[in-house]
């Protein structure tokens, strides 16, 4: 009996040791995969940054240097002071992104509430139509929009020329994203507010929206990022710095005779910083918003 017990313990110890080795190799493989993905994702950003802090001689040096010999931040100063287009286009992007996000979120909340909390005929078909708009290639509507804005509405090269199509691009995703949050929220909470004398609209803004704050924040951030990175509408529906976004303004660093690589890289870093700060400070909101509706308890 004692020998059998010893054999069982030895066998169990061998299995535990083997499982530990398998786990260690699996964990090692995951770490390697994470390192490779992070390297691929951050390598372009790193190269852009070191290019922005090099002088002209080192930028054109061959072979290129992986680490700058002399840190030079004049490219950042020159991007703001020696160009008459970077600051105006940066201001335009802020205005367009903020206004579009607010309007898209406002109408998206109202539409998502109607689709998620009320009953009416054809609700499923309407949600499918809204979602299908997001799958439409927006490059196909640039030509008609150009004709409409130059001959019909006469809003070409204005903020409205970019805000309107960007709302069309971000609103379907906002509606579809928030509908699932509103649908999964218990109806008792809204009914209690209605019994206390609140109207349907008051119950929406004071009860439902605060309870679905992670989803609202996630939808707002995704909409802001999409508008901030827009290049197609900004390139085709504007013609001057009066309304052009910064994604188009950066291309002006490429002149006919030369390209200011240092200032171009510095401007790219400056444009990226707001998105990085936004994601870093609100990453918990984004993650919780994206995963809140994934599991039902």
C-alpha atoms as a PDB file:
ATOM      1  CA  UNK A   1       0.000   0.000   0.000  1.00  0.00           C
ATOM      2  CA  UNK A   2       2.776   2.384   0.915  1.00  0.00           C
ATOM      3  CA  UNK A   3       4.499   1.748  -2.398  1.00  0.00           C
ATOM      4  CA  UNK A   4       1.280   2.444  -4.308  1.00  0.00           C
ATOM      5  CA  UNK A   5       0.833   5.739  -2.475  1.00  0.00           C
ATOM      6  CA  UNK A   6       4.408   6.726  -3.243  1.00  0.00           C
ATOM      7  CA  UNK A   7       3.970   5.855  -6.918  1.00  0.00           C
ATOM      8  CA  UNK A   8       0.750   7.889  -7.136  1.00  0.00           C
ATOM      9  CA  UNK A   9       2.395  10.895  -5.515  1.00  0.00           C
ATOM     10  CA  UNK A  10       5.402  10.620  -7.839  1.00  0.00           C
ATOM     11  CA  UNK A  11       3.107  10.347 -10.866  1.00  0.00           C
ATOM     12  CA  UNK A  12       1.101  13.342  -9.701  1.00  0.00           C
ATOM     13  CA  UNK A  13       4.257  15.369  -9.126  1.00  0.00           C
ATOM     14  CA  UNK A  14       5.521  14.480 -12.606  1.00  0.00           C
ATOM     15  CA  UNK A  15       2.216  15.579 -14.152  1.00  0.00           C
ATOM     16  CA  UNK A  16       2.263  18.847 -12.199  1.00  0.00           C
ATOM     17  CA  UNK A  17       5.821  19.477 -13.323  1.00  0.00           C
ATOM     18  CA  UNK A  18       4.887  18.768 -16.947  1.00  0.00           C
ATOM     19  CA  UNK A  19       1.851  21.054 -16.714  1.00  0.00           C
ATOM     20  CA  UNK A  20       4.067  23.749 -15.215  1.00  0.00           C
ATOM     21  CA  UNK A  21       6.469  23.470 -18.133  1.00  0.00           C
ATOM     22  CA  UNK A  22       3.602  23.637 -20.622  1.00  0.00           C
ATOM     23  CA  UNK A  23       2.207  26.688 -18.873  1.00  0.00           C
ATOM     24  CA  UNK A  24       5.608  28.334 -18.851  1.00  0.00           C
ATOM     25  CA  UNK A  25       6.063  27.768 -22.570  1.00  0.00           C
ATOM     26  CA  UNK A  26       2.523  29.023 -23.264  1.00  0.00           C
ATOM     27  CA  UNK A  27       3.122  32.138 -21.174  1.00  0.00           C
ATOM     28  CA  UNK A  28       6.481  32.685 -22.886  1.00  0.00           C
ATOM     29  CA  UNK A  29       4.822  32.412 -26.285  1.00  0.00           C
ATOM     30  CA  UNK A  30       2.166  34.953 -25.302  1.00  0.00           C
ATOM     31  CA  UNK A  31       4.771  37.416 -24.084  1.00  0.00           C
ATOM     32  CA  UNK A  32       6.727  37.062 -27.318  1.00  0.00           C
ATOM     33  CA  UNK A  33       3.559  37.618 -29.356  1.00  0.00           C
ATOM     34  CA  UNK A  34       2.703  40.729 -27.329  1.00  0.00           C
ATOM     35  CA  UNK A  35       6.216  42.114 -27.768  1.00  0.00           C
ATOM     36  CA  UNK A  36       6.127  41.545 -31.531  1.00  0.00           C
ATOM     37  CA  UNK A  37       2.702  43.203 -31.900  1.00  0.00           C
ATOM     38  CA  UNK A  38       3.710  46.194 -29.753  1.00  0.00           C
ATOM     39  CA  UNK A  39       6.942  46.593 -31.722  1.00  0.00           C
ATOM     40  CA  UNK A  40       5.121  46.546 -35.068  1.00  0.00           C
ATOM     41  CA  UNK A  41       2.540  49.025 -33.779  1.00  0.00           C
ATOM     42  CA  UNK A  42       4.986  51.473 -32.198  1.00  0.00           C
ATOM     43  CA  UNK A  43       7.862  51.305 -34.709  1.00  0.00           C
ATOM     44  CA  UNK A  44       6.315  53.859 -37.142  1.00  0.00           C
ATOM     45  CA  UNK A  45       5.477  56.204 -34.266  1.00  0.00           C
ATOM     46  CA  UNK A  46       9.024  55.901 -32.889  1.00  0.00           C
ATOM     47  CA  UNK A  47      10.555  56.599 -36.287  1.00  0.00           C
ATOM     48  CA  UNK A  48       8.332  59.634 -36.763  1.00  0.00           C
ATOM     49  CA  UNK A  49       9.326  60.971 -33.345  1.00  0.00           C
ATOM     50  CA  UNK A  50      13.091  60.580 -33.803  1.00  0.00           C
ATOM     51  CA  UNK A  51      12.769  62.187 -37.236  1.00  0.00           C
ATOM     52  CA  UNK A  52      11.045  65.165 -35.617  1.00  0.00           C
ATOM     53  CA  UNK A  53      13.961  65.744 -33.216  1.00  0.00           C
ATOM     54  CA  UNK A  54      16.752  65.475 -35.800  1.00  0.00           C
ATOM     55  CA  UNK A  55      18.295  68.319 -37.771  1.00  0.00           C
ATOM     56  CA  UNK A  56      18.299  68.378 -41.562  1.00  0.00           C
ATOM     57  CA  UNK A  57      21.763  66.850 -41.885  1.00  0.00           C
ATOM     58  CA  UNK A  58      20.991  63.861 -39.696  1.00  0.00           C
ATOM     59  CA  UNK A  59      17.601  63.301 -41.316  1.00  0.00           C
ATOM     60  CA  UNK A  60      19.260  62.909 -44.722  1.00  0.00           C
ATOM     61  CA  UNK A  61      22.206  60.891 -43.382  1.00  0.00           C
ATOM     62  CA  UNK A  62      22.894  57.438 -44.829  1.00  0.00           C
ATOM     63  CA  UNK A  63      22.670  54.965 -43.262  1.00  0.00           C
ATOM     64  CA  UNK A  64      19.894  56.409 -41.114  1.00  0.00           C
ATOM     65  CA  UNK A  65      20.460  56.651 -37.376  1.00  0.00           C
ATOM     66  CA  UNK A  66      18.159  54.769 -35.005  1.00  0.00           C
ATOM     67  CA  UNK A  67      18.921  57.209 -32.177  1.00  0.00           C
ATOM     68  CA  UNK A  68      19.382  60.957 -32.728  1.00  0.00           C
ATOM     69  CA  UNK A  69      22.884  62.200 -32.065  1.00  0.00           C
ATOM     70  CA  UNK A  70      21.639  65.651 -31.117  1.00  0.00           C
ATOM     71  CA  UNK A  71      18.132  66.350 -29.854  1.00  0.00           C
ATOM     72  CA  UNK A  72      16.703  69.280 -31.760  1.00  0.00           C
ATOM     73  CA  UNK A  73      13.166  70.534 -31.069  1.00  0.00           C
ATOM     74  CA  UNK A  74      13.318  73.382 -33.571  1.00  0.00           C
ATOM     75  CA  UNK A  75      11.110  71.413 -35.945  1.00  0.00           C
ATOM     76  CA  UNK A  76       8.214  71.723 -33.501  1.00  0.00           C
ATOM     77  CA  UNK A  77       8.757  75.466 -33.161  1.00  0.00           C
ATOM     78  CA  UNK A  78       9.084  75.913 -36.919  1.00  0.00           C
ATOM     79  CA  UNK A  79       5.913  73.913 -37.575  1.00  0.00           C
ATOM     80  CA  UNK A  80       3.946  76.461 -35.550  1.00  0.00           C
ATOM     81  CA  UNK A  81       5.810  79.647 -36.424  1.00  0.00           C
ATOM     82  CA  UNK A  82       7.086  79.229 -39.996  1.00  0.00           C
ATOM     83  CA  UNK A  83       3.927  77.778 -41.503  1.00  0.00           C
ATOM     84  CA  UNK A  84       0.765  79.787 -41.990  1.00  0.00           C
ATOM     85  CA  UNK A  85      -1.447  76.722 -42.355  1.00  0.00           C
ATOM     86  CA  UNK A  86      -0.690  74.341 -39.470  1.00  0.00           C
ATOM     87  CA  UNK A  87      -2.355  76.250 -36.630  1.00  0.00           C
ATOM     88  CA  UNK A  88      -5.502  77.170 -38.630  1.00  0.00           C
ATOM     89  CA  UNK A  89      -5.999  73.600 -39.817  1.00  0.00           C
ATOM     90  CA  UNK A  90      -5.394  72.287 -36.308  1.00  0.00           C
ATOM     91  CA  UNK A  91      -8.061  74.655 -35.004  1.00  0.00           C
ATOM     92  CA  UNK A  92     -10.406  73.507 -37.766  1.00  0.00           C
ATOM     93  CA  UNK A  93      -9.954  69.866 -36.815  1.00  0.00           C
ATOM     94  CA  UNK A  94     -10.757  70.607 -33.173  1.00  0.00           C
ATOM     95  CA  UNK A  95     -13.941  72.477 -34.087  1.00  0.00           C
ATOM     96  CA  UNK A  96     -15.112  69.900 -36.626  1.00  0.00           C
ATOM     97  CA  UNK A  97     -14.361  66.896 -34.391  1.00  0.00           C
ATOM     98  CA  UNK A  98     -15.980  68.372 -31.278  1.00  0.00           C
ATOM     99  CA  UNK A  99     -19.130  69.629 -33.031  1.00  0.00           C
ATOM    100  CA  UNK A 100     -19.552  66.390 -34.981  1.00  0.00           C
ATOM    101  CA  UNK A 101     -19.092  64.244 -31.869  1.00  0.00           C
ATOM    102  CA  UNK A 102     -21.589  66.271 -29.820  1.00  0.00           C
ATOM    103  CA  UNK A 103     -24.245  66.314 -32.554  1.00  0.00           C
ATOM    104  CA  UNK A 104     -23.739  62.655 -33.407  1.00  0.00           C
ATOM    105  CA  UNK A 105     -23.952  61.695 -29.746  1.00  0.00           C
ATOM    106  CA  UNK A 106     -27.071  63.798 -29.173  1.00  0.00           C
ATOM    107  CA  UNK A 107     -29.025  62.336 -32.077  1.00  0.00           C
ATOM    108  CA  UNK A 108     -27.490  58.910 -31.532  1.00  0.00           C
ATOM    109  CA  UNK A 109     -28.778  58.751 -27.963  1.00  0.00           C
ATOM    110  CA  UNK A 110     -32.291  59.729 -29.023  1.00  0.00           C
ATOM    111  CA  UNK A 111     -32.380  57.260 -31.908  1.00  0.00           C
ATOM    112  CA  UNK A 112     -30.818  54.459 -29.859  1.00  0.00           C
ATOM    113  CA  UNK A 113     -33.372  55.037 -27.106  1.00  0.00           C
ATOM    114  CA  UNK A 114     -36.221  54.749 -29.592  1.00  0.00           C
ATOM    115  CA  UNK A 115     -34.789  51.545 -31.052  1.00  0.00           C
ATOM    116  CA  UNK A 116     -33.788  49.978 -27.759  1.00  0.00           C
ATOM    117  CA  UNK A 117     -36.546  50.991 -25.338  1.00  0.00           C
ATOM    118  CA  UNK A 118     -39.712  51.372 -27.395  1.00  0.00           C
ATOM    119  CA  UNK A 119     -41.765  48.966 -29.467  1.00  0.00           C
ATOM    120  CA  UNK A 120     -42.919  49.763 -32.980  1.00  0.00           C
ATOM    121  CA  UNK A 121     -43.335  47.947 -36.262  1.00  0.00           C
ATOM    122  CA  UNK A 122     -40.208  47.589 -38.395  1.00  0.00           C
ATOM    123  CA  UNK A 123     -37.716  48.335 -35.633  1.00  0.00           C
ATOM    124  CA  UNK A 124     -35.418  45.485 -36.645  1.00  0.00           C
ATOM    125  CA  UNK A 125     -35.431  46.524 -40.287  1.00  0.00           C
ATOM    126  CA  UNK A 126     -34.699  50.121 -39.340  1.00  0.00           C
ATOM    127  CA  UNK A 127     -31.714  49.072 -37.210  1.00  0.00           C
ATOM    128  CA  UNK A 128     -30.418  46.953 -40.086  1.00  0.00           C
ATOM    129  CA  UNK A 129     -30.727  49.917 -42.463  1.00  0.00           C
ATOM    130  CA  UNK A 130     -28.874  52.173 -40.021  1.00  0.00           C
ATOM    131  CA  UNK A 131     -26.080  49.638 -39.690  1.00  0.00           C
ATOM    132  CA  UNK A 132     -25.871  49.101 -43.457  1.00  0.00           C
ATOM    133  CA  UNK A 133     -25.133  52.809 -43.933  1.00  0.00           C
ATOM    134  CA  UNK A 134     -21.903  52.305 -42.004  1.00  0.00           C
ATOM    135  CA  UNK A 135     -20.837  49.650 -44.533  1.00  0.00           C
ATOM    136  CA  UNK A 136     -21.313  51.979 -47.486  1.00  0.00           C
ATOM    137  CA  UNK A 137     -18.050  53.165 -49.137  1.00  0.00           C
ATOM    138  CA  UNK A 138     -18.075  56.895 -48.471  1.00  0.00           C
ATOM    139  CA  UNK A 139     -15.732  57.561 -51.358  1.00  0.00           C
ATOM    140  CA  UNK A 140     -18.722  56.812 -53.604  1.00  0.00           C
ATOM    141  CA  UNK A 141     -20.634  59.836 -52.281  1.00  0.00           C
ATOM    142  CA  UNK A 142     -17.796  62.352 -52.418  1.00  0.00           C
ATOM    143  CA  UNK A 143     -18.597  63.332 -56.019  1.00  0.00           C
ATOM    144  CA  UNK A 144     -22.321  63.926 -55.418  1.00  0.00           C
ATOM    145  CA  UNK A 145     -21.536  65.807 -52.215  1.00  0.00           C
ATOM    146  CA  UNK A 146     -19.101  68.050 -54.077  1.00  0.00           C
ATOM    147  CA  UNK A 147     -21.739  68.876 -56.693  1.00  0.00           C
ATOM    148  CA  UNK A 148     -24.402  69.428 -54.035  1.00  0.00           C
ATOM    149  CA  UNK A 149     -22.228  71.671 -51.871  1.00  0.00           C
ATOM    150  CA  UNK A 150     -20.971  73.794 -54.784  1.00  0.00           C
ATOM    151  CA  UNK A 151     -24.189  74.160 -56.783  1.00  0.00           C
ATOM    152  CA  UNK A 152     -27.093  73.403 -54.462  1.00  0.00           C
ATOM    153  CA  UNK A 153     -26.335  74.213 -50.831  1.00  0.00           C
ATOM    154  CA  UNK A 154     -23.285  76.433 -51.453  1.00  0.00           C
ATOM    155  CA  UNK A 155     -21.498  75.321 -48.287  1.00  0.00           C
ATOM    156  CA  UNK A 156     -18.320  74.164 -50.010  1.00  0.00           C
ATOM    157  CA  UNK A 157     -15.148  75.017 -48.059  1.00  0.00           C
ATOM    158  CA  UNK A 158     -17.013  75.623 -44.808  1.00  0.00           C
ATOM    159  CA  UNK A 159     -17.231  73.765 -41.513  1.00  0.00           C
ATOM    160  CA  UNK A 160     -20.702  72.551 -42.448  1.00  0.00           C
ATOM    161  CA  UNK A 161     -19.302  70.841 -45.549  1.00  0.00           C
ATOM    162  CA  UNK A 162     -17.273  68.559 -43.276  1.00  0.00           C
ATOM    163  CA  UNK A 163     -19.555  68.327 -40.259  1.00  0.00           C
ATOM    164  CA  UNK A 164     -22.567  67.070 -42.235  1.00  0.00           C
ATOM    165  CA  UNK A 165     -20.873  64.094 -43.972  1.00  0.00           C
ATOM    166  CA  UNK A 166     -18.932  63.203 -40.840  1.00  0.00           C
ATOM    167  CA  UNK A 167     -22.193  63.050 -38.892  1.00  0.00           C
ATOM    168  CA  UNK A 168     -23.541  60.733 -41.564  1.00  0.00           C
ATOM    169  CA  UNK A 169     -20.436  58.575 -41.164  1.00  0.00           C
ATOM    170  CA  UNK A 170     -20.398  58.404 -37.350  1.00  0.00           C
ATOM    171  CA  UNK A 171     -24.105  58.449 -36.481  1.00  0.00           C
ATOM    172  CA  UNK A 172     -24.920  54.861 -37.606  1.00  0.00           C
ATOM    173  CA  UNK A 173     -22.148  53.391 -35.471  1.00  0.00           C
ATOM    174  CA  UNK A 174     -23.226  55.488 -32.489  1.00  0.00           C
ATOM    175  CA  UNK A 175     -26.852  54.383 -32.836  1.00  0.00           C
ATOM    176  CA  UNK A 176     -25.980  50.712 -33.233  1.00  0.00           C
ATOM    177  CA  UNK A 177     -23.482  50.838 -30.376  1.00  0.00           C
ATOM    178  CA  UNK A 178     -25.821  52.523 -27.877  1.00  0.00           C
ATOM    179  CA  UNK A 179     -28.921  50.531 -28.816  1.00  0.00           C
ATOM    180  CA  UNK A 180     -27.506  47.382 -27.211  1.00  0.00           C
ATOM    181  CA  UNK A 181     -26.801  49.284 -23.966  1.00  0.00           C
ATOM    182  CA  UNK A 182     -30.272  50.774 -23.768  1.00  0.00           C
ATOM    183  CA  UNK A 183     -31.924  47.467 -24.650  1.00  0.00           C
ATOM    184  CA  UNK A 184     -30.146  45.526 -21.870  1.00  0.00           C
ATOM    185  CA  UNK A 185     -30.929  48.088 -19.145  1.00  0.00           C
ATOM    186  CA  UNK A 186     -33.701  46.899 -16.761  1.00  0.00           C
ATOM    187  CA  UNK A 187     -37.030  48.554 -17.488  1.00  0.00           C
ATOM    188  CA  UNK A 188     -37.832  48.893 -13.766  1.00  0.00           C
ATOM    189  CA  UNK A 189     -35.448  51.809 -13.384  1.00  0.00           C
ATOM    190  CA  UNK A 190     -37.145  53.850 -16.072  1.00  0.00           C
ATOM    191  CA  UNK A 191     -40.611  52.915 -14.812  1.00  0.00           C
ATOM    192  CA  UNK A 192     -39.685  54.057 -11.291  1.00  0.00           C
ATOM    193  CA  UNK A 193     -38.623  57.440 -12.682  1.00  0.00           C
ATOM    194  CA  UNK A 194     -41.864  57.701 -14.650  1.00  0.00           C
ATOM    195  CA  UNK A 195     -43.894  56.907 -11.516  1.00  0.00           C
ATOM    196  CA  UNK A 196     -42.056  59.690  -9.662  1.00  0.00           C
ATOM    197  CA  UNK A 197     -43.312  62.159 -12.248  1.00  0.00           C
ATOM    198  CA  UNK A 198     -40.451  62.256 -14.751  1.00  0.00           C
ATOM    199  CA  UNK A 199     -41.268  62.464 -18.423  1.00  0.00           C
ATOM    200  CA  UNK A 200     -39.825  59.980 -20.898  1.00  0.00           C
ATOM    201  CA  UNK A 201     -37.178  62.493 -21.968  1.00  0.00           C
ATOM    202  CA  UNK A 202     -36.258  63.287 -18.341  1.00  0.00           C
ATOM    203  CA  UNK A 203     -35.971  59.576 -17.570  1.00  0.00           C
ATOM    204  CA  UNK A 204     -33.657  59.219 -20.546  1.00  0.00           C
ATOM    205  CA  UNK A 205     -31.253  62.019 -19.581  1.00  0.00           C
ATOM    206  CA  UNK A 206     -31.326  61.597 -15.795  1.00  0.00           C
ATOM    207  CA  UNK A 207     -31.571  57.815 -15.449  1.00  0.00           C
ATOM    208  CA  UNK A 208     -30.683  55.872 -18.584  1.00  0.00           C
ATOM    209  CA  UNK A 209     -27.786  57.951 -19.909  1.00  0.00           C
ATOM    210  CA  UNK A 210     -25.899  58.076 -16.559  1.00  0.00           C
ATOM    211  CA  UNK A 211     -26.331  54.311 -16.127  1.00  0.00           C
ATOM    212  CA  UNK A 212     -24.927  53.681 -19.599  1.00  0.00           C
ATOM    213  CA  UNK A 213     -22.076  56.181 -19.237  1.00  0.00           C
ATOM    214  CA  UNK A 214     -19.345  53.675 -20.291  1.00  0.00           C
ATOM    215  CA  UNK A 215     -21.128  53.060 -23.583  1.00  0.00           C
ATOM    216  CA  UNK A 216     -21.757  56.757 -24.152  1.00  0.00           C
ATOM    217  CA  UNK A 217     -18.088  57.579 -23.481  1.00  0.00           C
ATOM    218  CA  UNK A 218     -16.909  54.798 -25.775  1.00  0.00           C
ATOM    219  CA  UNK A 219     -19.212  55.930 -28.587  1.00  0.00           C
ATOM    220  CA  UNK A 220     -18.082  59.546 -28.176  1.00  0.00           C
ATOM    221  CA  UNK A 221     -14.392  58.632 -28.236  1.00  0.00           C
ATOM    222  CA  UNK A 222     -14.748  56.380 -31.279  1.00  0.00           C
ATOM    223  CA  UNK A 223     -16.655  59.119 -33.122  1.00  0.00           C
ATOM    224  CA  UNK A 224     -14.072  61.757 -32.191  1.00  0.00           C
ATOM    225  CA  UNK A 225     -11.185  59.578 -33.382  1.00  0.00           C
ATOM    226  CA  UNK A 226     -12.949  58.802 -36.663  1.00  0.00           C
ATOM    227  CA  UNK A 227     -13.581  62.497 -37.392  1.00  0.00           C
ATOM    228  CA  UNK A 228     -10.117  63.578 -36.258  1.00  0.00           C
ATOM    229  CA  UNK A 229      -8.500  61.101 -38.673  1.00  0.00           C
ATOM    230  CA  UNK A 230     -10.717  62.023 -41.616  1.00  0.00           C
ATOM    231  CA  UNK A 231      -8.820  62.849 -44.785  1.00  0.00           C
ATOM    232  CA  UNK A 232     -11.206  62.016 -47.626  1.00  0.00           C
ATOM    233  CA  UNK A 233     -13.883  64.625 -46.902  1.00  0.00           C
ATOM    234  CA  UNK A 234     -11.343  67.228 -45.875  1.00  0.00           C
ATOM    235  CA  UNK A 235      -9.413  66.853 -49.113  1.00  0.00           C
ATOM    236  CA  UNK A 236     -12.371  66.965 -51.496  1.00  0.00           C
ATOM    237  CA  UNK A 237     -14.867  69.289 -49.786  1.00  0.00           C
ATOM    238  CA  UNK A 238     -12.496  72.126 -48.845  1.00  0.00           C
ATOM    239  CA  UNK A 239     -10.028  74.231 -50.791  1.00  0.00           C
ATOM    240  CA  UNK A 240      -8.310  76.503 -48.251  1.00  0.00           C
ATOM    241  CA  UNK A 241      -7.321  76.737 -44.623  1.00  0.00           C
ATOM    242  CA  UNK A 242     -10.665  78.341 -43.856  1.00  0.00           C
ATOM    243  CA  UNK A 243     -12.077  74.877 -43.162  1.00  0.00           C
ATOM    244  CA  UNK A 244      -9.434  72.302 -44.057  1.00  0.00           C
ATOM    245  CA  UNK A 245      -8.629  69.813 -41.263  1.00  0.00           C
ATOM    246  CA  UNK A 246      -5.115  69.237 -40.036  1.00  0.00           C
ATOM    247  CA  UNK A 247      -4.884  65.860 -41.787  1.00  0.00           C
ATOM    248  CA  UNK A 248      -4.940  67.815 -45.048  1.00  0.00           C
ATOM    249  CA  UNK A 249      -2.877  70.691 -43.682  1.00  0.00           C
ATOM    250  CA  UNK A 250       0.047  68.387 -42.908  1.00  0.00           C
ATOM    251  CA  UNK A 251       0.439  67.616 -46.596  1.00  0.00           C
ATOM    252  CA  UNK A 252       1.356  71.262 -47.227  1.00  0.00           C
ATOM    253  CA  UNK A 253       4.789  70.593 -45.755  1.00  0.00           C
ATOM    254  CA  UNK A 254       5.477  68.844 -49.073  1.00  0.00           C
ATOM    255  CA  UNK A 255       6.266  71.656 -51.451  1.00  0.00           C
ATOM    256  CA  UNK A 256       7.064  71.534 -55.174  1.00  0.00           C
ATOM    257  CA  UNK A 257      10.813  71.626 -54.700  1.00  0.00           C
ATOM    258  CA  UNK A 258      11.420  70.063 -51.289  1.00  0.00           C
ATOM    259  CA  UNK A 259       9.819  68.235 -48.383  1.00  0.00           C
ATOM    260  CA  UNK A 260      10.381  69.458 -44.830  1.00  0.00           C
ATOM    261  CA  UNK A 261      10.634  66.026 -43.261  1.00  0.00           C
ATOM    262  CA  UNK A 262      11.491  67.376 -39.824  1.00  0.00           C
ATOM    263  CA  UNK A 263       8.514  69.726 -39.612  1.00  0.00           C
ATOM    264  CA  UNK A 264       6.282  67.115 -41.240  1.00  0.00           C
ATOM    265  CA  UNK A 265       7.206  64.561 -38.570  1.00  0.00           C
ATOM    266  CA  UNK A 266       6.815  67.142 -35.799  1.00  0.00           C
ATOM    267  CA  UNK A 267       3.354  68.094 -37.048  1.00  0.00           C
ATOM    268  CA  UNK A 268       2.376  64.415 -37.209  1.00  0.00           C
ATOM    269  CA  UNK A 269       3.439  63.926 -33.582  1.00  0.00           C
ATOM    270  CA  UNK A 270       1.509  67.025 -32.496  1.00  0.00           C
ATOM    271  CA  UNK A 271      -1.630  65.757 -34.243  1.00  0.00           C
ATOM    272  CA  UNK A 272      -1.241  62.332 -32.620  1.00  0.00           C
ATOM    273  CA  UNK A 273      -0.795  63.652 -29.071  1.00  0.00           C
ATOM    274  CA  UNK A 274      -4.501  64.564 -28.449  1.00  0.00           C
ATOM    275  CA  UNK A 275      -5.611  61.053 -29.396  1.00  0.00           C
ATOM    276  CA  UNK A 276      -2.940  59.451 -27.223  1.00  0.00           C
ATOM    277  CA  UNK A 277      -3.895  61.591 -24.227  1.00  0.00           C
ATOM    278  CA  UNK A 278      -7.594  60.904 -24.825  1.00  0.00           C
ATOM    279  CA  UNK A 279      -7.091  57.142 -24.939  1.00  0.00           C
ATOM    280  CA  UNK A 280      -4.684  57.032 -21.985  1.00  0.00           C
ATOM    281  CA  UNK A 281      -6.965  58.988 -19.660  1.00  0.00           C
ATOM    282  CA  UNK A 282     -10.187  57.308 -20.785  1.00  0.00           C
ATOM    283  CA  UNK A 283      -8.959  53.805 -21.574  1.00  0.00           C
ATOM    284  CA  UNK A 284     -10.968  52.295 -18.721  1.00  0.00           C
ATOM    285  CA  UNK A 285     -14.108  53.944 -20.047  1.00  0.00           C
ATOM    286  CA  UNK A 286     -13.356  52.655 -23.537  1.00  0.00           C
ATOM    287  CA  UNK A 287     -12.695  49.072 -22.410  1.00  0.00           C
ATOM    288  CA  UNK A 288     -15.691  48.948 -20.087  1.00  0.00           C
ATOM    289  CA  UNK A 289     -17.880  50.463 -22.785  1.00  0.00           C
ATOM    290  CA  UNK A 290     -16.758  48.003 -25.433  1.00  0.00           C
ATOM    291  CA  UNK A 291     -17.152  44.969 -23.159  1.00  0.00           C
ATOM    292  CA  UNK A 292     -20.148  45.942 -21.004  1.00  0.00           C
ATOM    293  CA  UNK A 293     -22.685  44.485 -23.382  1.00  0.00           C
ATOM    294  CA  UNK A 294     -20.654  41.411 -24.267  1.00  0.00           C
ATOM    295  CA  UNK A 295     -21.682  39.314 -21.222  1.00  0.00           C
ATOM    296  CA  UNK A 296     -25.135  39.177 -19.742  1.00  0.00           C
ATOM    297  CA  UNK A 297     -25.430  38.343 -16.085  1.00  0.00           C
END
